[in-house]
Amino acid sequence: MRTTTADMIAHLGGEVTQLATCWRVRRRDGVTLGFTTHDQSLRIGGLTYRPSSAFSPTVIAAGQMFDSDDLDVEGALSDSAINAADLRAGLYDFAAVDLFLVNWAAPESGNLHIKSGWIGEVRMGRGTYVAELRGLTTVLRQSYATIYSAECSADLGDKHCRVDLETLTVSGSVIAVADRRLFTASALGKPDGYFAYGRLRWRTGQNAGRGIEVKTQAGNIIGLFDAMAGEIAVGDLFSISPGCDKRFATCRTKFANVANYRGHPHVPGMDAMLAYPGLT
């Protein structure tokens, strides 16, 4: 059951309504943005909701109990609203979204809450994007089960792995730049591949505060999985932690952490399942 103010109820009961849809987006970096379908900006709760083509929702289906209530949001990429660089940088990954209706003639008189959730998968096209808005019941529809595989099911440094990543994290600076995903760092003192699949976080520069996964590391040359939103510049400081390919040999030789290995390297695999008498 949805609740709202007496003023909003009276407006909804009138012969003519003046309704506008509003979106409040709270990114994980702390930035909060407001958008509205009205043709003028609305000031609600200290936040300005701007008219923009950045948000255009599909039809909302309200399900029963735990039925899926996800919807897609389509919009145009814009430097003043939602742009491709911020999407690629992951700033909108898992951003919290609130959707509600207001009387645009009296926006502070109350609102009718429609939906809350977070942004899931995002697909980009030429000048446009489509984002999946996942409802709160999504987590109740997920299946959780133990998976038996040769590879470790833990993430490096989590409560199951127990490797202390803080002691393995090193700091560095950029000494040469190829592009937004490839650069040369100051001496890191680690063998090739040590930081592959690891995590890099920028401390200064245009990307300060942003983190990204490391794809390759050959000597002091670092390759990132995706291009950074901002330019990488000589002198930018960062911290970088090692990666793990989740294999038993890596756990033993690289981290000496076999006691906490969460895989099953000695369980017979597909070759054993397909074997038959006389096979050599």
C-alpha atoms as a PDB file:
ATOM      1  CA  MET A   1       0.000   0.000   0.000  1.00  0.00           C
ATOM      2  CA  ARG A   2       1.370   3.397  -0.979  1.00  0.00           C
ATOM      3  CA  THR A   3       1.054   6.386   1.321  1.00  0.00           C
ATOM      4  CA  THR A   4       1.284  10.093   0.590  1.00  0.00           C
ATOM      5  CA  THR A   5       0.217  13.469   1.974  1.00  0.00           C
ATOM      6  CA  ALA A   6      -3.340  14.775   2.267  1.00  0.00           C
ATOM      7  CA  ASP A   7      -2.558  17.475  -0.309  1.00  0.00           C
ATOM      8  CA  MET A   8      -1.385  14.876  -2.814  1.00  0.00           C
ATOM      9  CA  ILE A   9      -4.447  12.697  -2.199  1.00  0.00           C
ATOM     10  CA  ALA A  10      -6.713  15.693  -2.794  1.00  0.00           C
ATOM     11  CA  HIS A  11      -4.884  16.510  -6.017  1.00  0.00           C
ATOM     12  CA  LEU A  12      -5.148  12.922  -7.275  1.00  0.00           C
ATOM     13  CA  GLY A  13      -8.875  12.993  -6.554  1.00  0.00           C
ATOM     14  CA  GLY A  14      -9.451  16.119  -8.621  1.00  0.00           C
ATOM     15  CA  GLU A  15     -10.880  16.223 -12.109  1.00  0.00           C
ATOM     16  CA  VAL A  16      -7.606  17.518 -13.550  1.00  0.00           C
ATOM     17  CA  THR A  17      -4.140  16.514 -12.351  1.00  0.00           C
ATOM     18  CA  GLN A  18      -0.766  18.119 -12.948  1.00  0.00           C
ATOM     19  CA  LEU A  19       1.597  15.203 -12.468  1.00  0.00           C
ATOM     20  CA  ALA A  20       5.260  14.870 -13.337  1.00  0.00           C
ATOM     21  CA  THR A  21       7.532  11.877 -12.879  1.00  0.00           C
ATOM     22  CA  CYS A  22      10.747  12.461 -10.929  1.00  0.00           C
ATOM     23  CA  TRP A  23      13.882  10.377 -10.592  1.00  0.00           C
ATOM     24  CA  ARG A  24      16.449  10.684  -7.807  1.00  0.00           C
ATOM     25  CA  VAL A  25      19.743   8.931  -8.555  1.00  0.00           C
ATOM     26  CA  ARG A  26      22.339   8.472  -5.806  1.00  0.00           C
ATOM     27  CA  ARG A  27      25.671   7.326  -7.200  1.00  0.00           C
ATOM     28  CA  ARG A  28      28.132   5.362  -5.094  1.00  0.00           C
ATOM     29  CA  ASP A  29      30.601   8.258  -5.177  1.00  0.00           C
ATOM     30  CA  GLY A  30      28.092  10.373  -3.218  1.00  0.00           C
ATOM     31  CA  VAL A  31      26.767  12.470  -6.120  1.00  0.00           C
ATOM     32  CA  THR A  32      22.957  12.817  -6.185  1.00  0.00           C
ATOM     33  CA  LEU A  33      21.152  13.806  -9.391  1.00  0.00           C
ATOM     34  CA  GLY A  34      17.509  14.666 -10.022  1.00  0.00           C
ATOM     35  CA  PHE A  35      15.550  14.430 -13.282  1.00  0.00           C
ATOM     36  CA  THR A  36      11.926  15.105 -14.179  1.00  0.00           C
ATOM     37  CA  THR A  37       9.574  14.638 -17.110  1.00  0.00           C
ATOM     38  CA  HIS A  38       8.255  18.176 -16.536  1.00  0.00           C
ATOM     39  CA  ASP A  39       9.391  20.888 -18.958  1.00  0.00           C
ATOM     40  CA  GLN A  40      10.823  23.055 -16.162  1.00  0.00           C
ATOM     41  CA  SER A  41      13.108  22.395 -13.213  1.00  0.00           C
ATOM     42  CA  LEU A  42      11.454  21.408  -9.936  1.00  0.00           C
ATOM     43  CA  ARG A  43      12.914  22.021  -6.490  1.00  0.00           C
ATOM     44  CA  ILE A  44      12.030  19.202  -4.089  1.00  0.00           C
ATOM     45  CA  GLY A  45      13.626  18.489  -0.730  1.00  0.00           C
ATOM     46  CA  GLY A  46      16.642  20.665  -1.433  1.00  0.00           C
ATOM     47  CA  LEU A  47      17.438  18.938  -4.744  1.00  0.00           C
ATOM     48  CA  THR A  48      16.798  20.394  -8.190  1.00  0.00           C
ATOM     49  CA  TYR A  49      15.129  17.999 -10.617  1.00  0.00           C
ATOM     50  CA  ARG A  50      16.034  19.059 -14.131  1.00  0.00           C
ATOM     51  CA  PRO A  51      14.061  18.374 -17.303  1.00  0.00           C
ATOM     52  CA  SER A  52      16.221  16.058 -19.335  1.00  0.00           C
ATOM     53  CA  SER A  53      16.147  13.434 -22.032  1.00  0.00           C
ATOM     54  CA  ALA A  54      18.570  11.442 -19.891  1.00  0.00           C
ATOM     55  CA  PHE A  55      15.749   9.423 -18.322  1.00  0.00           C
ATOM     56  CA  SER A  56      12.761   7.943 -20.140  1.00  0.00           C
ATOM     57  CA  PRO A  57      11.176   4.963 -18.338  1.00  0.00           C
ATOM     58  CA  THR A  58       9.415   2.052 -19.949  1.00  0.00           C
ATOM     59  CA  VAL A  59       6.020   0.885 -18.705  1.00  0.00           C
ATOM     60  CA  ILE A  60       6.168  -0.037 -15.017  1.00  0.00           C
ATOM     61  CA  ALA A  61       4.542  -3.329 -14.084  1.00  0.00           C
ATOM     62  CA  ALA A  62       3.669  -3.741 -10.415  1.00  0.00           C
ATOM     63  CA  GLY A  63       3.778  -7.450  -9.627  1.00  0.00           C
ATOM     64  CA  GLN A  64       2.332  -9.465  -6.768  1.00  0.00           C
ATOM     65  CA  MET A  65       4.469 -10.654  -3.869  1.00  0.00           C
ATOM     66  CA  PHE A  66       7.945 -11.420  -5.266  1.00  0.00           C
ATOM     67  CA  ASP A  67       7.155 -11.100  -8.968  1.00  0.00           C
ATOM     68  CA  SER A  68       9.728  -9.211 -10.997  1.00  0.00           C
ATOM     69  CA  ASP A  69       9.105  -5.479 -11.110  1.00  0.00           C
ATOM     70  CA  ASP A  70      12.209  -4.515 -13.082  1.00  0.00           C
ATOM     71  CA  LEU A  71      12.027  -1.948 -15.868  1.00  0.00           C
ATOM     72  CA  ASP A  72      14.307  -0.382 -18.432  1.00  0.00           C
ATOM     73  CA  VAL A  73      15.297   3.267 -18.548  1.00  0.00           C
ATOM     74  CA  GLU A  74      16.250   4.740 -21.901  1.00  0.00           C
ATOM     75  CA  GLY A  75      17.972   8.051 -22.392  1.00  0.00           C
ATOM     76  CA  ALA A  76      20.237  10.241 -24.454  1.00  0.00           C
ATOM     77  CA  LEU A  77      23.855  10.651 -23.428  1.00  0.00           C
ATOM     78  CA  SER A  78      24.585  14.248 -22.471  1.00  0.00           C
ATOM     79  CA  ASP A  79      27.578  16.041 -20.992  1.00  0.00           C
ATOM     80  CA  SER A  80      25.249  17.954 -18.656  1.00  0.00           C
ATOM     81  CA  ALA A  81      23.423  14.858 -17.400  1.00  0.00           C
ATOM     82  CA  ILE A  82      24.545  11.267 -17.948  1.00  0.00           C
ATOM     83  CA  ASN A  83      27.547  10.842 -20.221  1.00  0.00           C
ATOM     84  CA  ALA A  84      29.352   7.865 -21.703  1.00  0.00           C
ATOM     85  CA  ALA A  85      32.578   8.469 -19.769  1.00  0.00           C
ATOM     86  CA  ASP A  86      30.818   8.267 -16.395  1.00  0.00           C
ATOM     87  CA  LEU A  87      28.954   5.121 -17.440  1.00  0.00           C
ATOM     88  CA  ARG A  88      32.175   3.446 -18.600  1.00  0.00           C
ATOM     89  CA  ALA A  89      33.869   4.458 -15.353  1.00  0.00           C
ATOM     90  CA  GLY A  90      31.197   2.596 -13.402  1.00  0.00           C
ATOM     91  CA  LEU A  91      29.881   5.646 -11.560  1.00  0.00           C
ATOM     92  CA  TYR A  92      26.312   4.473 -12.117  1.00  0.00           C
ATOM     93  CA  ASP A  93      26.897   0.821 -11.248  1.00  0.00           C
ATOM     94  CA  PHE A  94      24.463  -0.094  -8.456  1.00  0.00           C
ATOM     95  CA  ALA A  95      23.373   3.536  -8.098  1.00  0.00           C
ATOM     96  CA  ALA A  96      20.236   3.833  -5.934  1.00  0.00           C
ATOM     97  CA  VAL A  97      17.171   5.132  -7.776  1.00  0.00           C
ATOM     98  CA  ASP A  98      13.861   6.459  -6.421  1.00  0.00           C
ATOM     99  CA  LEU A  99      10.918   7.053  -8.759  1.00  0.00           C
ATOM    100  CA  PHE A 100       7.910   9.125  -7.703  1.00  0.00           C
ATOM    101  CA  LEU A 101       5.122  11.414  -8.911  1.00  0.00           C
ATOM    102  CA  VAL A 102       4.608  15.038  -7.855  1.00  0.00           C
ATOM    103  CA  ASN A 103       2.186  17.847  -8.562  1.00  0.00           C
ATOM    104  CA  TRP A 104       4.432  20.050 -10.676  1.00  0.00           C
ATOM    105  CA  ALA A 105       2.423  23.138  -9.707  1.00  0.00           C
ATOM    106  CA  ALA A 106       3.159  22.461  -6.011  1.00  0.00           C
ATOM    107  CA  PRO A 107       6.105  20.051  -5.899  1.00  0.00           C
ATOM    108  CA  GLU A 108       6.695  20.450  -2.156  1.00  0.00           C
ATOM    109  CA  SER A 109       3.125  19.376  -1.298  1.00  0.00           C
ATOM    110  CA  GLY A 110       4.086  15.698  -1.242  1.00  0.00           C
ATOM    111  CA  ASN A 111       4.833  12.874  -3.630  1.00  0.00           C
ATOM    112  CA  LEU A 112       3.511   9.457  -4.530  1.00  0.00           C
ATOM    113  CA  HIS A 113       6.287   6.891  -4.347  1.00  0.00           C
ATOM    114  CA  ILE A 114       6.305   4.514  -7.308  1.00  0.00           C
ATOM    115  CA  LYS A 115       9.457   2.470  -7.071  1.00  0.00           C
ATOM    116  CA  SER A 116      12.900   2.140  -5.505  1.00  0.00           C
ATOM    117  CA  GLY A 117      15.791   0.046  -6.706  1.00  0.00           C
ATOM    118  CA  TRP A 118      19.205   0.272  -8.243  1.00  0.00           C
ATOM    119  CA  ILE A 119      20.797   0.389 -11.674  1.00  0.00           C
ATOM    120  CA  GLY A 120      21.857  -2.979 -13.047  1.00  0.00           C
ATOM    121  CA  GLU A 121      23.041  -3.754 -16.567  1.00  0.00           C
ATOM    122  CA  VAL A 122      23.734  -0.763 -18.821  1.00  0.00           C
ATOM    123  CA  ARG A 123      23.935  -0.960 -22.626  1.00  0.00           C
ATOM    124  CA  MET A 124      25.202   1.947 -24.722  1.00  0.00           C
ATOM    125  CA  GLY A 125      24.536   2.775 -28.360  1.00  0.00           C
ATOM    126  CA  ARG A 126      25.248   5.777 -30.550  1.00  0.00           C
ATOM    127  CA  GLY A 127      24.423   8.692 -28.296  1.00  0.00           C
ATOM    128  CA  THR A 128      21.978   6.671 -26.205  1.00  0.00           C
ATOM    129  CA  TYR A 129      21.926   4.155 -23.385  1.00  0.00           C
ATOM    130  CA  VAL A 130      19.517   1.642 -21.868  1.00  0.00           C
ATOM    131  CA  ALA A 131      19.811   0.898 -18.142  1.00  0.00           C
ATOM    132  CA  GLU A 132      18.042  -1.849 -16.251  1.00  0.00           C
ATOM    133  CA  LEU A 133      16.396  -0.638 -13.041  1.00  0.00           C
ATOM    134  CA  ARG A 134      16.223  -3.577 -10.662  1.00  0.00           C
ATOM    135  CA  GLY A 135      13.561  -3.622  -7.971  1.00  0.00           C
ATOM    136  CA  LEU A 136      14.122  -4.373  -4.293  1.00  0.00           C
ATOM    137  CA  THR A 137      12.648  -7.869  -4.684  1.00  0.00           C
ATOM    138  CA  THR A 138      15.471  -8.838  -7.041  1.00  0.00           C
ATOM    139  CA  VAL A 139      17.678  -9.964  -4.151  1.00  0.00           C
ATOM    140  CA  LEU A 140      14.869 -12.227  -2.899  1.00  0.00           C
ATOM    141  CA  ARG A 141      14.765 -14.011  -6.249  1.00  0.00           C
ATOM    142  CA  GLN A 142      18.465 -14.843  -6.358  1.00  0.00           C
ATOM    143  CA  SER A 143      19.569 -18.433  -5.845  1.00  0.00           C
ATOM    144  CA  TYR A 144      22.416 -19.133  -3.461  1.00  0.00           C
ATOM    145  CA  ALA A 145      24.175 -22.487  -3.538  1.00  0.00           C
ATOM    146  CA  THR A 146      27.615 -23.961  -3.034  1.00  0.00           C
ATOM    147  CA  ILE A 147      29.414 -24.590  -6.307  1.00  0.00           C
ATOM    148  CA  TYR A 148      32.059 -27.300  -6.426  1.00  0.00           C
ATOM    149  CA  SER A 149      34.856 -26.478  -8.839  1.00  0.00           C
ATOM    150  CA  ALA A 150      38.600 -26.695  -9.048  1.00  0.00           C
ATOM    151  CA  GLU A 151      38.886 -22.906  -8.861  1.00  0.00           C
ATOM    152  CA  CYS A 152      38.508 -20.994  -5.605  1.00  0.00           C
ATOM    153  CA  SER A 153      35.079 -19.510  -4.889  1.00  0.00           C
ATOM    154  CA  ALA A 154      36.435 -16.792  -2.592  1.00  0.00           C
ATOM    155  CA  ASP A 155      37.534 -13.333  -3.640  1.00  0.00           C
ATOM    156  CA  LEU A 156      41.076 -12.338  -2.804  1.00  0.00           C
ATOM    157  CA  GLY A 157      41.096 -10.621   0.575  1.00  0.00           C
ATOM    158  CA  ASP A 158      37.509 -11.427   1.613  1.00  0.00           C
ATOM    159  CA  LYS A 159      36.457 -13.104   4.882  1.00  0.00           C
ATOM    160  CA  HIS A 160      36.872 -16.569   3.391  1.00  0.00           C
ATOM    161  CA  CYS A 161      40.229 -15.946   1.737  1.00  0.00           C
ATOM    162  CA  ARG A 162      41.710 -14.005   4.695  1.00  0.00           C
ATOM    163  CA  VAL A 163      44.694 -12.700   2.738  1.00  0.00           C
ATOM    164  CA  ASP A 164      45.588  -9.269   4.123  1.00  0.00           C
ATOM    165  CA  LEU A 165      45.495  -7.146   0.970  1.00  0.00           C
ATOM    166  CA  GLU A 166      46.533  -4.003   2.817  1.00  0.00           C
ATOM    167  CA  THR A 167      49.996  -5.418   3.457  1.00  0.00           C
ATOM    168  CA  LEU A 168      50.331  -6.387  -0.217  1.00  0.00           C
ATOM    169  CA  THR A 169      49.142  -3.070  -1.654  1.00  0.00           C
ATOM    170  CA  VAL A 170      51.855  -0.784  -2.998  1.00  0.00           C
ATOM    171  CA  SER A 171      51.860   2.826  -4.142  1.00  0.00           C
ATOM    172  CA  GLY A 172      53.141   4.164  -7.415  1.00  0.00           C
ATOM    173  CA  SER A 173      53.104   7.090  -9.792  1.00  0.00           C
ATOM    174  CA  VAL A 174      52.670   7.461 -13.538  1.00  0.00           C
ATOM    175  CA  ILE A 175      55.856   8.208 -15.491  1.00  0.00           C
ATOM    176  CA  ALA A 176      54.546   7.739 -19.066  1.00  0.00           C
ATOM    177  CA  VAL A 177      51.100   7.520 -20.657  1.00  0.00           C
ATOM    178  CA  ALA A 178      49.974   5.683 -23.803  1.00  0.00           C
ATOM    179  CA  ASP A 179      46.235   6.272 -23.426  1.00  0.00           C
ATOM    180  CA  ARG A 180      43.475   6.102 -20.809  1.00  0.00           C
ATOM    181  CA  ARG A 181      43.979   2.378 -20.209  1.00  0.00           C
ATOM    182  CA  LEU A 182      47.728   1.852 -20.663  1.00  0.00           C
ATOM    183  CA  PHE A 183      50.565   3.593 -18.831  1.00  0.00           C
ATOM    184  CA  THR A 184      54.008   3.087 -17.334  1.00  0.00           C
ATOM    185  CA  ALA A 185      54.436   3.322 -13.576  1.00  0.00           C
ATOM    186  CA  SER A 186      57.373   3.972 -11.322  1.00  0.00           C
ATOM    187  CA  ALA A 187      59.262   0.888 -10.144  1.00  0.00           C
ATOM    188  CA  LEU A 188      56.753  -1.532  -8.598  1.00  0.00           C
ATOM    189  CA  GLY A 189      59.282  -4.216  -7.712  1.00  0.00           C
ATOM    190  CA  LYS A 190      57.083  -7.176  -8.654  1.00  0.00           C
ATOM    191  CA  PRO A 191      57.353  -9.871 -11.364  1.00  0.00           C
ATOM    192  CA  ASP A 192      55.268  -9.835 -14.533  1.00  0.00           C
ATOM    193  CA  GLY A 193      51.625 -10.674 -13.940  1.00  0.00           C
ATOM    194  CA  TYR A 194      51.736 -10.084 -10.192  1.00  0.00           C
ATOM    195  CA  PHE A 195      49.114  -7.326 -10.378  1.00  0.00           C
ATOM    196  CA  ALA A 196      47.059  -8.878 -13.213  1.00  0.00           C
ATOM    197  CA  TYR A 197      43.393  -9.199 -12.144  1.00  0.00           C
ATOM    198  CA  GLY A 198      44.191  -6.957  -9.214  1.00  0.00           C
ATOM    199  CA  ARG A 199      42.725  -3.602  -8.290  1.00  0.00           C
ATOM    200  CA  LEU A 200      44.066  -0.090  -8.883  1.00  0.00           C
ATOM    201  CA  ARG A 201      42.755   3.020  -7.147  1.00  0.00           C
ATOM    202  CA  TRP A 202      43.721   6.554  -8.181  1.00  0.00           C
ATOM    203  CA  ARG A 203      44.737   8.929  -5.394  1.00  0.00           C
ATOM    204  CA  THR A 204      45.318  12.092  -7.441  1.00  0.00           C
ATOM    205  CA  GLY A 205      44.522  13.496 -10.867  1.00  0.00           C
ATOM    206  CA  GLN A 206      41.301  13.580 -12.862  1.00  0.00           C
ATOM    207  CA  ASN A 207      40.442  10.035 -11.754  1.00  0.00           C
ATOM    208  CA  ALA A 208      41.080  10.559  -8.028  1.00  0.00           C
ATOM    209  CA  GLY A 209      38.951   8.241  -5.900  1.00  0.00           C
ATOM    210  CA  ARG A 210      38.075   5.906  -8.769  1.00  0.00           C
ATOM    211  CA  GLY A 211      39.036   2.256  -8.832  1.00  0.00           C
ATOM    212  CA  ILE A 212      39.400  -0.176 -11.719  1.00  0.00           C
ATOM    213  CA  GLU A 213      40.562  -3.735 -12.375  1.00  0.00           C
ATOM    214  CA  VAL A 214      44.018  -4.378 -13.775  1.00  0.00           C
ATOM    215  CA  LYS A 215      44.114  -6.489 -16.943  1.00  0.00           C
ATOM    216  CA  THR A 216      47.839  -6.879 -17.547  1.00  0.00           C
ATOM    217  CA  GLN A 217      51.143  -6.018 -15.917  1.00  0.00           C
ATOM    218  CA  ALA A 218      54.464  -6.466 -17.670  1.00  0.00           C
ATOM    219  CA  GLY A 219      57.248  -4.954 -15.619  1.00  0.00           C
ATOM    220  CA  ASN A 220      56.097  -1.417 -14.892  1.00  0.00           C
ATOM    221  CA  ILE A 221      53.599  -1.244 -17.771  1.00  0.00           C
ATOM    222  CA  ILE A 222      50.025  -1.418 -16.497  1.00  0.00           C
ATOM    223  CA  GLY A 223      47.035  -2.251 -18.704  1.00  0.00           C
ATOM    224  CA  LEU A 224      43.518  -1.602 -17.393  1.00  0.00           C
ATOM    225  CA  PHE A 225      40.362  -3.522 -18.273  1.00  0.00           C
ATOM    226  CA  ASP A 226      38.621  -0.358 -19.431  1.00  0.00           C
ATOM    227  CA  ALA A 227      39.504   3.226 -20.262  1.00  0.00           C
ATOM    228  CA  MET A 228      39.389   5.683 -17.380  1.00  0.00           C
ATOM    229  CA  ALA A 229      36.808   8.462 -17.444  1.00  0.00           C
ATOM    230  CA  GLY A 230      39.460  11.154 -17.015  1.00  0.00           C
ATOM    231  CA  GLU A 231      42.862  11.624 -18.574  1.00  0.00           C
ATOM    232  CA  ILE A 232      45.795   9.800 -16.991  1.00  0.00           C
ATOM    233  CA  ALA A 233      48.688  12.218 -16.534  1.00  0.00           C
ATOM    234  CA  VAL A 234      52.349  11.895 -15.635  1.00  0.00           C
ATOM    235  CA  GLY A 235      52.676  12.316 -11.878  1.00  0.00           C
ATOM    236  CA  ASP A 236      49.271  10.837 -11.010  1.00  0.00           C
ATOM    237  CA  LEU A 237      49.508   8.764  -7.830  1.00  0.00           C
ATOM    238  CA  PHE A 238      47.793   5.428  -7.305  1.00  0.00           C
ATOM    239  CA  SER A 239      47.711   2.344  -5.111  1.00  0.00           C
ATOM    240  CA  ILE A 240      47.616  -1.136  -6.605  1.00  0.00           C
ATOM    241  CA  SER A 241      46.947  -4.560  -5.111  1.00  0.00           C
ATOM    242  CA  PRO A 242      47.755  -7.994  -6.552  1.00  0.00           C
ATOM    243  CA  GLY A 243      45.292 -10.198  -8.366  1.00  0.00           C
ATOM    244  CA  CYS A 244      44.425 -13.863  -8.147  1.00  0.00           C
ATOM    245  CA  ASP A 245      43.398 -16.267 -10.915  1.00  0.00           C
ATOM    246  CA  LYS A 246      41.740 -18.511  -8.270  1.00  0.00           C
ATOM    247  CA  ARG A 247      43.930 -21.504  -9.054  1.00  0.00           C
ATOM    248  CA  PHE A 248      45.356 -23.822  -6.400  1.00  0.00           C
ATOM    249  CA  ALA A 249      48.943 -23.374  -7.580  1.00  0.00           C
ATOM    250  CA  THR A 250      48.614 -19.588  -7.377  1.00  0.00           C
ATOM    251  CA  CYS A 251      47.187 -19.785  -3.871  1.00  0.00           C
ATOM    252  CA  ARG A 252      50.093 -21.969  -2.773  1.00  0.00           C
ATOM    253  CA  THR A 253      53.032 -20.226  -4.428  1.00  0.00           C
ATOM    254  CA  LYS A 254      51.910 -16.598  -4.577  1.00  0.00           C
ATOM    255  CA  PHE A 255      50.001 -16.200  -1.318  1.00  0.00           C
ATOM    256  CA  ALA A 256      50.917 -19.277   0.789  1.00  0.00           C
ATOM    257  CA  ASN A 257      47.244 -19.508   1.670  1.00  0.00           C
ATOM    258  CA  VAL A 258      46.317 -23.120   0.898  1.00  0.00           C
ATOM    259  CA  ALA A 259      44.624 -23.526   4.296  1.00  0.00           C
ATOM    260  CA  ASN A 260      41.938 -21.073   3.170  1.00  0.00           C
ATOM    261  CA  TYR A 261      41.592 -22.254  -0.426  1.00  0.00           C
ATOM    262  CA  ARG A 262      37.876 -22.555  -1.245  1.00  0.00           C
ATOM    263  CA  GLY A 263      38.163 -24.680  -4.368  1.00  0.00           C
ATOM    264  CA  HIS A 264      38.275 -28.446  -4.913  1.00  0.00           C
ATOM    265  CA  PRO A 265      41.336 -29.067  -7.093  1.00  0.00           C
ATOM    266  CA  HIS A 266      41.365 -32.834  -6.492  1.00  0.00           C
ATOM    267  CA  VAL A 267      37.742 -33.523  -7.434  1.00  0.00           C
ATOM    268  CA  PRO A 268      37.585 -35.511 -10.719  1.00  0.00           C
ATOM    269  CA  GLY A 269      36.696 -33.238 -13.597  1.00  0.00           C
ATOM    270  CA  MET A 270      35.076 -33.618 -16.998  1.00  0.00           C
ATOM    271  CA  ASP A 271      37.853 -35.916 -18.265  1.00  0.00           C
ATOM    272  CA  ALA A 272      37.029 -38.448 -15.543  1.00  0.00           C
ATOM    273  CA  MET A 273      33.316 -38.221 -16.303  1.00  0.00           C
ATOM    274  CA  LEU A 274      33.862 -38.967 -19.999  1.00  0.00           C
ATOM    275  CA  ALA A 275      36.392 -41.743 -19.470  1.00  0.00           C
ATOM    276  CA  TYR A 276      35.555 -45.363 -20.356  1.00  0.00           C
ATOM    277  CA  PRO A 277      37.357 -48.715 -20.010  1.00  0.00           C
ATOM    278  CA  GLY A 278      40.363 -49.066 -22.260  1.00  0.00           C
ATOM    279  CA  LEU A 279      40.819 -45.314 -22.726  1.00  0.00           C
ATOM    280  CA  THR A 280      44.469 -44.303 -22.519  1.00  0.00           C
END
